[in-house]
């Protein structure tokens, strides 16, 4: 497997990963990851978990799930967005979005109004409390982003985002492979 549109375009995954066994956190046993050693999905999951944990630590008292923050960002920047549009923008199904919107509404962070020309749909908006929460969380999200950028390094940032976009495009059927 090669990465399209990145500085790694001539390297295979096996050349990019360290094939040596890894020790457990307890340090008493080395594990052989077998197929997972070169399985992109495994690394994406581990990277997501590391990123998620860092963001949650930075949130402190604003213990709102990072996915909810993503929703606040989209709602803030797209006043009156519908549930369907929101789901498409964050890659979540209708029922997950409905549950999350109810949670945000119950916390007083958003309010919803029926869409005038389509009474089946609701448009979402931030409340004053939602905007205040968003602004606090945005500062923490920027700190988180700076930390991840420092880990990735400026020379690899575009390549990482390019590879991630290529993988995301697989879901939308816009990959050339």
C-alpha atoms as a PDB file:
ATOM      1  CA  UNK A   1       0.000   0.000   0.000  1.00  0.00           C
ATOM      2  CA  UNK A   2       1.278   3.456  -0.836  1.00  0.00           C
ATOM      3  CA  UNK A   3       0.079   6.878   0.222  1.00  0.00           C
ATOM      4  CA  UNK A   4      -1.253   8.998  -2.630  1.00  0.00           C
ATOM      5  CA  UNK A   5      -0.412  12.685  -2.816  1.00  0.00           C
ATOM      6  CA  UNK A   6       2.081  12.647   0.027  1.00  0.00           C
ATOM      7  CA  UNK A   7       5.789  12.691   0.710  1.00  0.00           C
ATOM      8  CA  UNK A   8       5.489   8.948   1.349  1.00  0.00           C
ATOM      9  CA  UNK A   9       4.250   8.206  -2.165  1.00  0.00           C
ATOM     10  CA  UNK A  10       7.169   5.926  -3.022  1.00  0.00           C
ATOM     11  CA  UNK A  11       7.272   4.070   0.308  1.00  0.00           C
ATOM     12  CA  UNK A  12       5.145   1.101   1.250  1.00  0.00           C
ATOM     13  CA  UNK A  13       3.492   0.933   4.642  1.00  0.00           C
ATOM     14  CA  UNK A  14       5.846  -1.830   5.772  1.00  0.00           C
ATOM     15  CA  UNK A  15       8.815   0.448   5.048  1.00  0.00           C
ATOM     16  CA  UNK A  16       7.267   3.232   7.138  1.00  0.00           C
ATOM     17  CA  UNK A  17       6.465   1.224  10.252  1.00  0.00           C
ATOM     18  CA  UNK A  18       8.856  -0.144  12.811  1.00  0.00           C
ATOM     19  CA  UNK A  19       8.620  -3.958  12.656  1.00  0.00           C
ATOM     20  CA  UNK A  20      10.113  -4.522  16.098  1.00  0.00           C
ATOM     21  CA  UNK A  21       7.839  -5.974  18.767  1.00  0.00           C
ATOM     22  CA  UNK A  22       6.442  -3.479  21.258  1.00  0.00           C
ATOM     23  CA  UNK A  23       6.524  -3.877  25.018  1.00  0.00           C
ATOM     24  CA  UNK A  24       3.333  -3.564  26.991  1.00  0.00           C
ATOM     25  CA  UNK A  25       2.989  -0.645  29.399  1.00  0.00           C
ATOM     26  CA  UNK A  26       3.821  -3.048  32.173  1.00  0.00           C
ATOM     27  CA  UNK A  27       7.062  -3.692  30.293  1.00  0.00           C
ATOM     28  CA  UNK A  28       7.165  -7.397  31.043  1.00  0.00           C
ATOM     29  CA  UNK A  29       6.181  -8.783  27.674  1.00  0.00           C
ATOM     30  CA  UNK A  30       6.909  -7.904  24.075  1.00  0.00           C
ATOM     31  CA  UNK A  31       3.945  -8.249  21.760  1.00  0.00           C
ATOM     32  CA  UNK A  32       4.070  -9.189  18.114  1.00  0.00           C
ATOM     33  CA  UNK A  33       1.328  -7.316  16.286  1.00  0.00           C
ATOM     34  CA  UNK A  34       1.393  -9.544  13.210  1.00  0.00           C
ATOM     35  CA  UNK A  35      -0.868  -8.215  10.489  1.00  0.00           C
ATOM     36  CA  UNK A  36      -1.734  -5.148  12.579  1.00  0.00           C
ATOM     37  CA  UNK A  37       1.867  -3.946  12.290  1.00  0.00           C
ATOM     38  CA  UNK A  38       1.031  -2.728   8.768  1.00  0.00           C
ATOM     39  CA  UNK A  39      -2.725  -2.198   9.159  1.00  0.00           C
ATOM     40  CA  UNK A  40      -3.552   1.467   8.635  1.00  0.00           C
ATOM     41  CA  UNK A  41      -6.885   1.223  10.454  1.00  0.00           C
ATOM     42  CA  UNK A  42      -5.112   0.041  13.596  1.00  0.00           C
ATOM     43  CA  UNK A  43      -2.822   3.083  13.579  1.00  0.00           C
ATOM     44  CA  UNK A  44      -5.718   5.432  12.805  1.00  0.00           C
ATOM     45  CA  UNK A  45      -7.604   4.103  15.817  1.00  0.00           C
ATOM     46  CA  UNK A  46      -4.585   4.440  18.115  1.00  0.00           C
ATOM     47  CA  UNK A  47      -3.888   7.953  16.798  1.00  0.00           C
ATOM     48  CA  UNK A  48      -7.547   8.903  17.323  1.00  0.00           C
ATOM     49  CA  UNK A  49      -7.447   7.612  20.894  1.00  0.00           C
ATOM     50  CA  UNK A  50      -4.245   9.556  21.646  1.00  0.00           C
ATOM     51  CA  UNK A  51      -5.702  12.722  20.119  1.00  0.00           C
ATOM     52  CA  UNK A  52      -9.021  12.246  21.932  1.00  0.00           C
ATOM     53  CA  UNK A  53      -7.296  11.735  25.298  1.00  0.00           C
ATOM     54  CA  UNK A  54      -5.181  14.869  24.830  1.00  0.00           C
ATOM     55  CA  UNK A  55      -8.232  16.947  23.931  1.00  0.00           C
ATOM     56  CA  UNK A  56     -10.266  15.643  26.874  1.00  0.00           C
ATOM     57  CA  UNK A  57      -7.421  16.481  29.281  1.00  0.00           C
ATOM     58  CA  UNK A  58      -7.246  20.012  27.895  1.00  0.00           C
ATOM     59  CA  UNK A  59     -11.011  20.496  28.243  1.00  0.00           C
ATOM     60  CA  UNK A  60     -10.846  20.230  32.011  1.00  0.00           C
ATOM     61  CA  UNK A  61     -14.180  21.377  33.430  1.00  0.00           C
ATOM     62  CA  UNK A  62     -15.709  21.613  29.956  1.00  0.00           C
ATOM     63  CA  UNK A  63     -16.229  17.860  29.831  1.00  0.00           C
ATOM     64  CA  UNK A  64     -18.120  17.887  26.586  1.00  0.00           C
ATOM     65  CA  UNK A  65     -17.226  15.065  24.208  1.00  0.00           C
ATOM     66  CA  UNK A  66     -14.991  16.161  21.318  1.00  0.00           C
ATOM     67  CA  UNK A  67     -17.718  15.020  18.909  1.00  0.00           C
ATOM     68  CA  UNK A  68     -20.116  17.452  20.544  1.00  0.00           C
ATOM     69  CA  UNK A  69     -17.540  20.197  20.119  1.00  0.00           C
ATOM     70  CA  UNK A  70     -17.437  19.377  16.402  1.00  0.00           C
ATOM     71  CA  UNK A  71     -21.197  19.825  16.311  1.00  0.00           C
ATOM     72  CA  UNK A  72     -20.978  23.166  18.125  1.00  0.00           C
ATOM     73  CA  UNK A  73     -18.388  24.365  15.604  1.00  0.00           C
ATOM     74  CA  UNK A  74     -20.555  23.392  12.639  1.00  0.00           C
ATOM     75  CA  UNK A  75     -23.737  24.843  14.179  1.00  0.00           C
ATOM     76  CA  UNK A  76     -21.949  28.073  15.101  1.00  0.00           C
ATOM     77  CA  UNK A  77     -20.641  28.503  11.565  1.00  0.00           C
ATOM     78  CA  UNK A  78     -23.852  27.367   9.825  1.00  0.00           C
ATOM     79  CA  UNK A  79     -26.809  28.924  11.650  1.00  0.00           C
ATOM     80  CA  UNK A  80     -29.956  26.969  10.995  1.00  0.00           C
ATOM     81  CA  UNK A  81     -28.220  23.795   9.848  1.00  0.00           C
ATOM     82  CA  UNK A  82     -30.514  20.788   9.631  1.00  0.00           C
ATOM     83  CA  UNK A  83     -29.911  17.450  11.316  1.00  0.00           C
ATOM     84  CA  UNK A  84     -29.227  15.798   7.946  1.00  0.00           C
ATOM     85  CA  UNK A  85     -26.690  18.460   6.944  1.00  0.00           C
ATOM     86  CA  UNK A  86     -25.021  18.230  10.340  1.00  0.00           C
ATOM     87  CA  UNK A  87     -24.772  14.448  10.105  1.00  0.00           C
ATOM     88  CA  UNK A  88     -23.203  14.651   6.654  1.00  0.00           C
ATOM     89  CA  UNK A  89     -20.710  17.279   7.784  1.00  0.00           C
ATOM     90  CA  UNK A  90     -19.414  15.240  10.731  1.00  0.00           C
ATOM     91  CA  UNK A  91     -19.869  11.766   9.282  1.00  0.00           C
ATOM     92  CA  UNK A  92     -22.527  10.559  11.710  1.00  0.00           C
ATOM     93  CA  UNK A  93     -25.811   8.750  11.127  1.00  0.00           C
ATOM     94  CA  UNK A  94     -29.217  10.301  11.743  1.00  0.00           C
ATOM     95  CA  UNK A  95     -29.894   8.568  15.074  1.00  0.00           C
ATOM     96  CA  UNK A  96     -26.453   9.485  16.520  1.00  0.00           C
ATOM     97  CA  UNK A  97     -26.949  13.108  15.518  1.00  0.00           C
ATOM     98  CA  UNK A  98     -30.482  13.173  16.969  1.00  0.00           C
ATOM     99  CA  UNK A  99     -29.252  11.841  20.310  1.00  0.00           C
ATOM    100  CA  UNK A 100     -26.334  14.298  20.409  1.00  0.00           C
ATOM    101  CA  UNK A 101     -28.596  17.239  19.523  1.00  0.00           C
ATOM    102  CA  UNK A 102     -30.953  16.272  22.349  1.00  0.00           C
ATOM    103  CA  UNK A 103     -27.986  16.209  24.743  1.00  0.00           C
ATOM    104  CA  UNK A 104     -26.782  19.632  23.566  1.00  0.00           C
ATOM    105  CA  UNK A 105     -30.323  20.985  23.831  1.00  0.00           C
ATOM    106  CA  UNK A 106     -30.791  19.504  27.332  1.00  0.00           C
ATOM    107  CA  UNK A 107     -27.563  21.224  28.412  1.00  0.00           C
ATOM    108  CA  UNK A 108     -28.893  24.525  27.097  1.00  0.00           C
ATOM    109  CA  UNK A 109     -26.176  24.836  24.432  1.00  0.00           C
ATOM    110  CA  UNK A 110     -28.434  24.815  21.369  1.00  0.00           C
ATOM    111  CA  UNK A 111     -32.041  25.333  20.464  1.00  0.00           C
ATOM    112  CA  UNK A 112     -33.943  23.971  17.498  1.00  0.00           C
ATOM    113  CA  UNK A 113     -36.725  25.439  15.411  1.00  0.00           C
ATOM    114  CA  UNK A 114     -38.868  23.812  12.758  1.00  0.00           C
ATOM    115  CA  UNK A 115     -37.750  24.607   9.229  1.00  0.00           C
ATOM    116  CA  UNK A 116     -40.416  26.875   7.776  1.00  0.00           C
ATOM    117  CA  UNK A 117     -40.781  25.238   4.365  1.00  0.00           C
ATOM    118  CA  UNK A 118     -40.275  21.660   5.677  1.00  0.00           C
ATOM    119  CA  UNK A 119     -42.089  21.041   8.958  1.00  0.00           C
ATOM    120  CA  UNK A 120     -40.396  17.619   9.365  1.00  0.00           C
ATOM    121  CA  UNK A 121     -36.952  19.157   9.802  1.00  0.00           C
ATOM    122  CA  UNK A 122     -35.456  21.306  12.504  1.00  0.00           C
ATOM    123  CA  UNK A 123     -32.778  23.967  12.215  1.00  0.00           C
ATOM    124  CA  UNK A 124     -30.173  24.180  14.988  1.00  0.00           C
ATOM    125  CA  UNK A 125     -28.736  27.324  16.582  1.00  0.00           C
ATOM    126  CA  UNK A 126     -26.366  28.041  19.473  1.00  0.00           C
ATOM    127  CA  UNK A 127     -27.779  29.620  22.601  1.00  0.00           C
ATOM    128  CA  UNK A 128     -25.834  32.319  24.472  1.00  0.00           C
ATOM    129  CA  UNK A 129     -24.579  29.569  26.794  1.00  0.00           C
ATOM    130  CA  UNK A 130     -23.647  27.469  23.762  1.00  0.00           C
ATOM    131  CA  UNK A 131     -21.661  30.322  22.249  1.00  0.00           C
ATOM    132  CA  UNK A 132     -19.869  30.937  25.554  1.00  0.00           C
ATOM    133  CA  UNK A 133     -19.047  27.220  25.857  1.00  0.00           C
ATOM    134  CA  UNK A 134     -17.901  27.119  22.230  1.00  0.00           C
ATOM    135  CA  UNK A 135     -15.562  30.079  22.763  1.00  0.00           C
ATOM    136  CA  UNK A 136     -13.960  28.485  25.848  1.00  0.00           C
ATOM    137  CA  UNK A 137     -13.591  25.171  24.090  1.00  0.00           C
ATOM    138  CA  UNK A 138     -12.163  26.784  20.958  1.00  0.00           C
ATOM    139  CA  UNK A 139      -9.235  28.151  22.981  1.00  0.00           C
ATOM    140  CA  UNK A 140      -8.568  24.662  24.318  1.00  0.00           C
ATOM    141  CA  UNK A 141      -8.997  23.147  20.857  1.00  0.00           C
ATOM    142  CA  UNK A 142      -6.401  25.570  19.487  1.00  0.00           C
ATOM    143  CA  UNK A 143      -3.984  24.499  22.244  1.00  0.00           C
ATOM    144  CA  UNK A 144      -4.682  20.876  21.348  1.00  0.00           C
ATOM    145  CA  UNK A 145      -4.093  21.581  17.653  1.00  0.00           C
ATOM    146  CA  UNK A 146      -0.779  23.313  18.389  1.00  0.00           C
ATOM    147  CA  UNK A 147       0.301  20.309  20.452  1.00  0.00           C
ATOM    148  CA  UNK A 148      -0.591  17.846  17.677  1.00  0.00           C
ATOM    149  CA  UNK A 149       1.101  20.071  15.089  1.00  0.00           C
ATOM    150  CA  UNK A 150       4.256  20.010  17.198  1.00  0.00           C
ATOM    151  CA  UNK A 151       4.119  16.213  17.380  1.00  0.00           C
ATOM    152  CA  UNK A 152       3.502  15.819  13.633  1.00  0.00           C
ATOM    153  CA  UNK A 153       5.888  18.592  12.626  1.00  0.00           C
ATOM    154  CA  UNK A 154       5.312  21.244   9.978  1.00  0.00           C
ATOM    155  CA  UNK A 155       7.176  19.234   7.343  1.00  0.00           C
ATOM    156  CA  UNK A 156       4.716  16.315   7.656  1.00  0.00           C
ATOM    157  CA  UNK A 157       1.457  18.144   8.369  1.00  0.00           C
ATOM    158  CA  UNK A 158       0.302  18.502   4.755  1.00  0.00           C
ATOM    159  CA  UNK A 159       1.222  14.879   4.008  1.00  0.00           C
ATOM    160  CA  UNK A 160      -0.727  13.631   7.029  1.00  0.00           C
ATOM    161  CA  UNK A 161      -3.809  15.669   6.116  1.00  0.00           C
ATOM    162  CA  UNK A 162      -3.516  14.575   2.486  1.00  0.00           C
ATOM    163  CA  UNK A 163      -3.400  10.909   3.473  1.00  0.00           C
ATOM    164  CA  UNK A 164      -6.343  11.344   5.867  1.00  0.00           C
ATOM    165  CA  UNK A 165      -8.399  13.096   3.168  1.00  0.00           C
ATOM    166  CA  UNK A 166      -7.626  10.262   0.742  1.00  0.00           C
ATOM    167  CA  UNK A 167      -8.886   7.747   3.297  1.00  0.00           C
ATOM    168  CA  UNK A 168     -12.007   9.799   4.014  1.00  0.00           C
ATOM    169  CA  UNK A 169     -12.703  10.003   0.292  1.00  0.00           C
ATOM    170  CA  UNK A 170     -12.845   6.192   0.185  1.00  0.00           C
ATOM    171  CA  UNK A 171     -16.083   6.437   2.178  1.00  0.00           C
ATOM    172  CA  UNK A 172     -17.546   8.855  -0.348  1.00  0.00           C
ATOM    173  CA  UNK A 173     -16.499   6.807  -3.368  1.00  0.00           C
ATOM    174  CA  UNK A 174     -14.221   9.494  -4.762  1.00  0.00           C
ATOM    175  CA  UNK A 175     -10.983   7.478  -4.650  1.00  0.00           C
ATOM    176  CA  UNK A 176      -9.267   6.565  -7.878  1.00  0.00           C
ATOM    177  CA  UNK A 177      -8.251   3.111  -6.611  1.00  0.00           C
END
